[in-house]
């Protein structure tokens, strides 16, 4: 689905370039304001922030990117990491396959069975059925997978998803968190949950492009922009 830029006072290409540059590279909104000014585009840093967090162009691009990415391996690694929003910790659920390709991501206010179940259901919807999911010894994630298996059984799936709870096998996703955390660290913090969700979704897409998870052979920015078409 094409993203609507109705009412925007700048060309679509300028908006998408600014959003991509922010989520991909370690710049502040004020830095980005200067970079664009050097290229003849005068846009206030508050407007740049609004494009990412309020209008949620980054989140809209991510929704389309999740649908278009290449298929992944059926052996999954799942974990969550902490993100601070308005002085409080929230949880970024993430999953990759055994080769480190991003499967899915979801920001949640809570870390419990309901959140884990929702994340696993979302990941299955986009990526199909895995053979196994490797997690740490989190009780919430264990309960989430068990709930998904009960749901699958009710729908007639005879073989449950294998759950593996071995911490060292999850090193690959813990290492993968670093790209996301490194980008977050340079920001001044998130003022709202919705702003965090949109920004993090954009960062995840930039990471997926870096990993070569899409069929396009064009440059990274053009890949990002293509998701808005």
C-alpha atoms as a PDB file:
ATOM      1  CA  UNK A   1       0.000   0.000   0.000  1.00  0.00           C
ATOM      2  CA  UNK A   2       1.386   3.403  -0.997  1.00  0.00           C
ATOM      3  CA  UNK A   3       2.045   5.876   1.814  1.00  0.00           C
ATOM      4  CA  UNK A   4       0.061   9.085   1.581  1.00  0.00           C
ATOM      5  CA  UNK A   5       2.050  12.337   1.607  1.00  0.00           C
ATOM      6  CA  UNK A   6      -1.069  14.493   1.259  1.00  0.00           C
ATOM      7  CA  UNK A   7      -0.617  17.860   2.926  1.00  0.00           C
ATOM      8  CA  UNK A   8       3.173  17.600   3.135  1.00  0.00           C
ATOM      9  CA  UNK A   9       5.013  20.836   2.349  1.00  0.00           C
ATOM     10  CA  UNK A  10       8.108  19.072   0.994  1.00  0.00           C
ATOM     11  CA  UNK A  11       8.577  16.590  -1.865  1.00  0.00           C
ATOM     12  CA  UNK A  12       8.179  12.926  -1.003  1.00  0.00           C
ATOM     13  CA  UNK A  13      11.819  12.186  -1.880  1.00  0.00           C
ATOM     14  CA  UNK A  14      13.078  14.814   0.565  1.00  0.00           C
ATOM     15  CA  UNK A  15      10.918  13.443   3.376  1.00  0.00           C
ATOM     16  CA  UNK A  16      11.963   9.837   2.790  1.00  0.00           C
ATOM     17  CA  UNK A  17      15.644  10.784   2.483  1.00  0.00           C
ATOM     18  CA  UNK A  18      15.485  12.620   5.817  1.00  0.00           C
ATOM     19  CA  UNK A  19      13.695   9.751   7.564  1.00  0.00           C
ATOM     20  CA  UNK A  20      16.100   7.136   6.172  1.00  0.00           C
ATOM     21  CA  UNK A  21      19.176   9.187   7.030  1.00  0.00           C
ATOM     22  CA  UNK A  22      17.968   9.622  10.613  1.00  0.00           C
ATOM     23  CA  UNK A  23      17.154   5.963  11.309  1.00  0.00           C
ATOM     24  CA  UNK A  24      20.263   4.638   9.558  1.00  0.00           C
ATOM     25  CA  UNK A  25      23.049   6.936  10.751  1.00  0.00           C
ATOM     26  CA  UNK A  26      24.140   8.388  14.075  1.00  0.00           C
ATOM     27  CA  UNK A  27      22.801  11.909  13.642  1.00  0.00           C
ATOM     28  CA  UNK A  28      20.533  14.112  15.718  1.00  0.00           C
ATOM     29  CA  UNK A  29      17.626  16.044  14.249  1.00  0.00           C
ATOM     30  CA  UNK A  30      19.697  19.231  14.483  1.00  0.00           C
ATOM     31  CA  UNK A  31      22.580  17.522  12.673  1.00  0.00           C
ATOM     32  CA  UNK A  32      20.183  16.412   9.964  1.00  0.00           C
ATOM     33  CA  UNK A  33      18.772  19.927   9.705  1.00  0.00           C
ATOM     34  CA  UNK A  34      22.304  21.190   8.938  1.00  0.00           C
ATOM     35  CA  UNK A  35      23.011  18.389   6.464  1.00  0.00           C
ATOM     36  CA  UNK A  36      19.851  19.162   4.514  1.00  0.00           C
ATOM     37  CA  UNK A  37      20.540  22.917   4.614  1.00  0.00           C
ATOM     38  CA  UNK A  38      23.937  22.291   3.007  1.00  0.00           C
ATOM     39  CA  UNK A  39      22.022  20.631   0.170  1.00  0.00           C
ATOM     40  CA  UNK A  40      19.650  23.547  -0.247  1.00  0.00           C
ATOM     41  CA  UNK A  41      16.727  22.135   1.736  1.00  0.00           C
ATOM     42  CA  UNK A  42      15.660  24.314   4.666  1.00  0.00           C
ATOM     43  CA  UNK A  43      13.612  22.263   7.094  1.00  0.00           C
ATOM     44  CA  UNK A  44      13.357  22.731  10.851  1.00  0.00           C
ATOM     45  CA  UNK A  45      14.529  19.961  13.191  1.00  0.00           C
ATOM     46  CA  UNK A  46      11.067  19.878  14.789  1.00  0.00           C
ATOM     47  CA  UNK A  47       9.581  19.066  11.379  1.00  0.00           C
ATOM     48  CA  UNK A  48      12.115  16.264  10.923  1.00  0.00           C
ATOM     49  CA  UNK A  49      11.097  14.839  14.284  1.00  0.00           C
ATOM     50  CA  UNK A  50       7.431  15.028  13.276  1.00  0.00           C
ATOM     51  CA  UNK A  51       8.102  13.095  10.058  1.00  0.00           C
ATOM     52  CA  UNK A  52       9.592  10.210  12.017  1.00  0.00           C
ATOM     53  CA  UNK A  53       7.491  10.138  15.183  1.00  0.00           C
ATOM     54  CA  UNK A  54       4.157  11.916  14.604  1.00  0.00           C
ATOM     55  CA  UNK A  55       3.355  11.343  10.942  1.00  0.00           C
ATOM     56  CA  UNK A  56       5.097   7.979  11.469  1.00  0.00           C
ATOM     57  CA  UNK A  57       6.552   7.646   7.988  1.00  0.00           C
ATOM     58  CA  UNK A  58       9.219   5.348   9.450  1.00  0.00           C
ATOM     59  CA  UNK A  59       6.585   3.057  10.927  1.00  0.00           C
ATOM     60  CA  UNK A  60       4.561   2.992   7.717  1.00  0.00           C
ATOM     61  CA  UNK A  61       7.635   2.093   5.666  1.00  0.00           C
ATOM     62  CA  UNK A  62       8.418  -0.686   8.165  1.00  0.00           C
ATOM     63  CA  UNK A  63       4.945  -2.203   7.827  1.00  0.00           C
ATOM     64  CA  UNK A  64       5.477  -2.612   4.090  1.00  0.00           C
ATOM     65  CA  UNK A  65       9.076  -3.814   4.507  1.00  0.00           C
ATOM     66  CA  UNK A  66       7.947  -6.625   6.825  1.00  0.00           C
ATOM     67  CA  UNK A  67       5.657  -7.872   4.066  1.00  0.00           C
ATOM     68  CA  UNK A  68       8.255  -7.702   1.281  1.00  0.00           C
ATOM     69  CA  UNK A  69      11.356  -9.167   2.888  1.00  0.00           C
ATOM     70  CA  UNK A  70      12.890 -12.428   1.659  1.00  0.00           C
ATOM     71  CA  UNK A  71      11.880 -15.706   3.266  1.00  0.00           C
ATOM     72  CA  UNK A  72      13.894 -16.753   6.309  1.00  0.00           C
ATOM     73  CA  UNK A  73      15.142 -19.976   7.877  1.00  0.00           C
ATOM     74  CA  UNK A  74      12.748 -22.012  10.015  1.00  0.00           C
ATOM     75  CA  UNK A  75      15.065 -22.062  13.035  1.00  0.00           C
ATOM     76  CA  UNK A  76      14.365 -18.890  15.028  1.00  0.00           C
ATOM     77  CA  UNK A  77      16.124 -17.020  17.828  1.00  0.00           C
ATOM     78  CA  UNK A  78      13.950 -14.755  19.994  1.00  0.00           C
ATOM     79  CA  UNK A  79      14.783 -12.297  22.770  1.00  0.00           C
ATOM     80  CA  UNK A  80      13.730  -8.905  24.101  1.00  0.00           C
ATOM     81  CA  UNK A  81      15.788  -5.872  25.064  1.00  0.00           C
ATOM     82  CA  UNK A  82      15.041  -2.817  27.173  1.00  0.00           C
ATOM     83  CA  UNK A  83      14.263   0.645  25.798  1.00  0.00           C
ATOM     84  CA  UNK A  84      13.652   3.746  27.918  1.00  0.00           C
ATOM     85  CA  UNK A  85      10.592   5.828  27.053  1.00  0.00           C
ATOM     86  CA  UNK A  86       9.773   8.944  29.062  1.00  0.00           C
ATOM     87  CA  UNK A  87      11.867   7.682  31.970  1.00  0.00           C
ATOM     88  CA  UNK A  88      10.340   4.203  32.056  1.00  0.00           C
ATOM     89  CA  UNK A  89      11.541   0.894  30.647  1.00  0.00           C
ATOM     90  CA  UNK A  90       9.582  -0.783  27.861  1.00  0.00           C
ATOM     91  CA  UNK A  91      10.460  -3.915  25.927  1.00  0.00           C
ATOM     92  CA  UNK A  92      11.530  -4.396  22.325  1.00  0.00           C
ATOM     93  CA  UNK A  93      10.714  -7.955  21.291  1.00  0.00           C
ATOM     94  CA  UNK A  94      12.902  -9.150  18.426  1.00  0.00           C
ATOM     95  CA  UNK A  95      13.473 -12.369  16.486  1.00  0.00           C
ATOM     96  CA  UNK A  96      16.076 -13.441  13.924  1.00  0.00           C
ATOM     97  CA  UNK A  97      16.710 -16.719  12.135  1.00  0.00           C
ATOM     98  CA  UNK A  98      19.837 -18.822  12.732  1.00  0.00           C
ATOM     99  CA  UNK A  99      21.697 -16.797  10.083  1.00  0.00           C
ATOM    100  CA  UNK A 100      20.876 -13.495  11.787  1.00  0.00           C
ATOM    101  CA  UNK A 101      18.209 -12.316   9.337  1.00  0.00           C
ATOM    102  CA  UNK A 102      15.518 -10.229  11.027  1.00  0.00           C
ATOM    103  CA  UNK A 103      12.158 -11.968  11.369  1.00  0.00           C
ATOM    104  CA  UNK A 104      10.093  -9.446  13.267  1.00  0.00           C
ATOM    105  CA  UNK A 105      10.084  -6.840  16.037  1.00  0.00           C
ATOM    106  CA  UNK A 106       7.498  -5.355  18.379  1.00  0.00           C
ATOM    107  CA  UNK A 107       7.633  -2.728  21.091  1.00  0.00           C
ATOM    108  CA  UNK A 108       5.606  -3.613  24.175  1.00  0.00           C
ATOM    109  CA  UNK A 109       4.799  -1.785  27.394  1.00  0.00           C
ATOM    110  CA  UNK A 110       4.909  -5.085  29.265  1.00  0.00           C
ATOM    111  CA  UNK A 111       7.017  -8.223  29.399  1.00  0.00           C
ATOM    112  CA  UNK A 112       4.565 -11.017  30.103  1.00  0.00           C
ATOM    113  CA  UNK A 113       2.754 -13.992  28.582  1.00  0.00           C
ATOM    114  CA  UNK A 114       0.259 -11.823  26.688  1.00  0.00           C
ATOM    115  CA  UNK A 115       3.011  -9.720  25.080  1.00  0.00           C
ATOM    116  CA  UNK A 116       5.075 -12.781  24.157  1.00  0.00           C
ATOM    117  CA  UNK A 117       2.034 -14.544  22.659  1.00  0.00           C
ATOM    118  CA  UNK A 118       1.163 -11.469  20.619  1.00  0.00           C
ATOM    119  CA  UNK A 119       4.722 -11.217  19.310  1.00  0.00           C
ATOM    120  CA  UNK A 120       4.924 -14.894  18.337  1.00  0.00           C
ATOM    121  CA  UNK A 121       1.542 -14.726  16.585  1.00  0.00           C
ATOM    122  CA  UNK A 122       2.675 -11.624  14.676  1.00  0.00           C
ATOM    123  CA  UNK A 123       5.940 -13.321  13.655  1.00  0.00           C
ATOM    124  CA  UNK A 124       4.110 -16.439  12.453  1.00  0.00           C
ATOM    125  CA  UNK A 125       1.711 -14.355  10.388  1.00  0.00           C
ATOM    126  CA  UNK A 126       4.582 -12.738   8.489  1.00  0.00           C
ATOM    127  CA  UNK A 127       7.114 -15.574   8.342  1.00  0.00           C
ATOM    128  CA  UNK A 128       5.171 -18.820   8.407  1.00  0.00           C
ATOM    129  CA  UNK A 129       5.675 -21.749  10.754  1.00  0.00           C
ATOM    130  CA  UNK A 130       9.126 -22.336  12.303  1.00  0.00           C
ATOM    131  CA  UNK A 131      10.461 -25.754  13.203  1.00  0.00           C
ATOM    132  CA  UNK A 132      11.888 -24.460  16.467  1.00  0.00           C
ATOM    133  CA  UNK A 133      12.286 -21.282  18.486  1.00  0.00           C
ATOM    134  CA  UNK A 134      15.325 -20.751  20.690  1.00  0.00           C
ATOM    135  CA  UNK A 135      14.736 -18.559  23.736  1.00  0.00           C
ATOM    136  CA  UNK A 136      16.412 -17.891  27.072  1.00  0.00           C
ATOM    137  CA  UNK A 137      14.814 -19.196  30.276  1.00  0.00           C
ATOM    138  CA  UNK A 138      12.187 -16.444  30.403  1.00  0.00           C
ATOM    139  CA  UNK A 139       8.977 -17.774  31.900  1.00  0.00           C
ATOM    140  CA  UNK A 140       6.895 -15.282  29.897  1.00  0.00           C
ATOM    141  CA  UNK A 141       8.373 -16.397  26.571  1.00  0.00           C
ATOM    142  CA  UNK A 142       7.953 -20.054  27.520  1.00  0.00           C
ATOM    143  CA  UNK A 143       4.300 -19.425  28.341  1.00  0.00           C
ATOM    144  CA  UNK A 144       3.882 -17.521  25.080  1.00  0.00           C
ATOM    145  CA  UNK A 145       5.164 -20.392  22.934  1.00  0.00           C
ATOM    146  CA  UNK A 146       3.049 -22.888  24.876  1.00  0.00           C
ATOM    147  CA  UNK A 147      -0.004 -20.721  24.223  1.00  0.00           C
ATOM    148  CA  UNK A 148       0.802 -20.517  20.509  1.00  0.00           C
ATOM    149  CA  UNK A 149       1.158 -24.313  20.370  1.00  0.00           C
ATOM    150  CA  UNK A 150      -2.250 -24.710  22.052  1.00  0.00           C
ATOM    151  CA  UNK A 151      -3.754 -22.349  19.487  1.00  0.00           C
ATOM    152  CA  UNK A 152      -2.134 -24.253  16.614  1.00  0.00           C
ATOM    153  CA  UNK A 153      -3.443 -27.547  17.970  1.00  0.00           C
ATOM    154  CA  UNK A 154      -6.977 -26.137  18.059  1.00  0.00           C
ATOM    155  CA  UNK A 155      -6.566 -25.223  14.393  1.00  0.00           C
ATOM    156  CA  UNK A 156      -5.530 -28.789  13.569  1.00  0.00           C
ATOM    157  CA  UNK A 157      -1.734 -28.447  13.439  1.00  0.00           C
ATOM    158  CA  UNK A 158      -0.456 -31.871  14.576  1.00  0.00           C
ATOM    159  CA  UNK A 159       3.198 -30.942  15.206  1.00  0.00           C
ATOM    160  CA  UNK A 160       3.977 -28.286  17.822  1.00  0.00           C
ATOM    161  CA  UNK A 161       6.785 -25.760  17.471  1.00  0.00           C
ATOM    162  CA  UNK A 162       9.865 -27.068  19.247  1.00  0.00           C
ATOM    163  CA  UNK A 163      11.001 -24.809  22.064  1.00  0.00           C
ATOM    164  CA  UNK A 164      14.713 -24.765  22.940  1.00  0.00           C
ATOM    165  CA  UNK A 165      15.807 -22.973  26.105  1.00  0.00           C
ATOM    166  CA  UNK A 166      19.604 -22.812  25.789  1.00  0.00           C
ATOM    167  CA  UNK A 167      21.084 -19.375  26.454  1.00  0.00           C
ATOM    168  CA  UNK A 168      24.306 -19.681  24.406  1.00  0.00           C
ATOM    169  CA  UNK A 169      22.319 -20.539  21.262  1.00  0.00           C
ATOM    170  CA  UNK A 170      20.717 -17.116  21.587  1.00  0.00           C
ATOM    171  CA  UNK A 171      24.037 -15.267  21.318  1.00  0.00           C
ATOM    172  CA  UNK A 172      23.282 -14.401  17.698  1.00  0.00           C
ATOM    173  CA  UNK A 173      20.268 -12.253  18.573  1.00  0.00           C
ATOM    174  CA  UNK A 174      21.976 -10.708  21.582  1.00  0.00           C
ATOM    175  CA  UNK A 175      24.744  -9.618  19.214  1.00  0.00           C
ATOM    176  CA  UNK A 176      22.122  -8.367  16.758  1.00  0.00           C
ATOM    177  CA  UNK A 177      20.632  -6.119  19.440  1.00  0.00           C
ATOM    178  CA  UNK A 178      23.841  -4.078  19.305  1.00  0.00           C
ATOM    179  CA  UNK A 179      23.085  -2.355  15.997  1.00  0.00           C
ATOM    180  CA  UNK A 180      19.715  -1.206  17.323  1.00  0.00           C
ATOM    181  CA  UNK A 181      21.034  -0.183  20.749  1.00  0.00           C
ATOM    182  CA  UNK A 182      23.972   1.701  19.239  1.00  0.00           C
ATOM    183  CA  UNK A 183      21.592   3.855  17.199  1.00  0.00           C
ATOM    184  CA  UNK A 184      19.260   4.436  20.164  1.00  0.00           C
ATOM    185  CA  UNK A 185      22.141   5.457  22.425  1.00  0.00           C
ATOM    186  CA  UNK A 186      22.851   8.512  20.269  1.00  0.00           C
ATOM    187  CA  UNK A 187      19.285   9.795  20.576  1.00  0.00           C
ATOM    188  CA  UNK A 188      18.115  12.090  23.370  1.00  0.00           C
ATOM    189  CA  UNK A 189      15.403   9.670  24.434  1.00  0.00           C
ATOM    190  CA  UNK A 190      11.827   8.989  23.413  1.00  0.00           C
ATOM    191  CA  UNK A 191       9.019  11.233  24.612  1.00  0.00           C
ATOM    192  CA  UNK A 192       6.175   8.794  23.912  1.00  0.00           C
ATOM    193  CA  UNK A 193       5.592   5.108  23.298  1.00  0.00           C
ATOM    194  CA  UNK A 194       4.198   5.797  19.815  1.00  0.00           C
ATOM    195  CA  UNK A 195       7.245   7.871  18.857  1.00  0.00           C
ATOM    196  CA  UNK A 196       9.546   5.094  20.078  1.00  0.00           C
ATOM    197  CA  UNK A 197       7.628   2.426  18.153  1.00  0.00           C
ATOM    198  CA  UNK A 198       7.792   4.344  14.863  1.00  0.00           C
ATOM    199  CA  UNK A 199      11.465   5.274  15.230  1.00  0.00           C
ATOM    200  CA  UNK A 200      12.538   1.774  16.222  1.00  0.00           C
ATOM    201  CA  UNK A 201      10.602   0.294  13.304  1.00  0.00           C
ATOM    202  CA  UNK A 202      12.565   2.546  10.952  1.00  0.00           C
ATOM    203  CA  UNK A 203      15.854   1.524  12.563  1.00  0.00           C
ATOM    204  CA  UNK A 204      14.907  -2.143  12.146  1.00  0.00           C
ATOM    205  CA  UNK A 205      14.213  -1.627   8.428  1.00  0.00           C
ATOM    206  CA  UNK A 206      17.573   0.101   7.979  1.00  0.00           C
ATOM    207  CA  UNK A 207      19.181  -2.909   9.661  1.00  0.00           C
ATOM    208  CA  UNK A 208      17.310  -5.325   7.378  1.00  0.00           C
ATOM    209  CA  UNK A 209      18.478  -3.403   4.315  1.00  0.00           C
ATOM    210  CA  UNK A 210      22.042  -3.571   5.627  1.00  0.00           C
ATOM    211  CA  UNK A 211      21.656  -7.362   5.947  1.00  0.00           C
ATOM    212  CA  UNK A 212      20.463  -7.683   2.335  1.00  0.00           C
ATOM    213  CA  UNK A 213      17.009  -9.005   3.191  1.00  0.00           C
ATOM    214  CA  UNK A 214      15.207  -7.540   0.171  1.00  0.00           C
ATOM    215  CA  UNK A 215      15.284  -8.461  -3.490  1.00  0.00           C
ATOM    216  CA  UNK A 216      16.060  -4.958  -4.744  1.00  0.00           C
ATOM    217  CA  UNK A 217      19.611  -4.460  -5.992  1.00  0.00           C
ATOM    218  CA  UNK A 218      19.437  -0.662  -5.794  1.00  0.00           C
ATOM    219  CA  UNK A 219      21.164   1.532  -3.205  1.00  0.00           C
ATOM    220  CA  UNK A 220      19.960   1.417   0.433  1.00  0.00           C
ATOM    221  CA  UNK A 221      18.024   4.685   0.264  1.00  0.00           C
ATOM    222  CA  UNK A 222      16.178   3.644  -2.899  1.00  0.00           C
ATOM    223  CA  UNK A 223      15.251   0.348  -1.232  1.00  0.00           C
ATOM    224  CA  UNK A 224      13.829   2.280   1.700  1.00  0.00           C
ATOM    225  CA  UNK A 225      11.967   4.695  -0.583  1.00  0.00           C
ATOM    226  CA  UNK A 226      10.502   1.826  -2.637  1.00  0.00           C
ATOM    227  CA  UNK A 227       8.510   0.666   0.400  1.00  0.00           C
ATOM    228  CA  UNK A 228       6.557   3.933   0.251  1.00  0.00           C
ATOM    229  CA  UNK A 229       5.335   3.275  -3.297  1.00  0.00           C
END
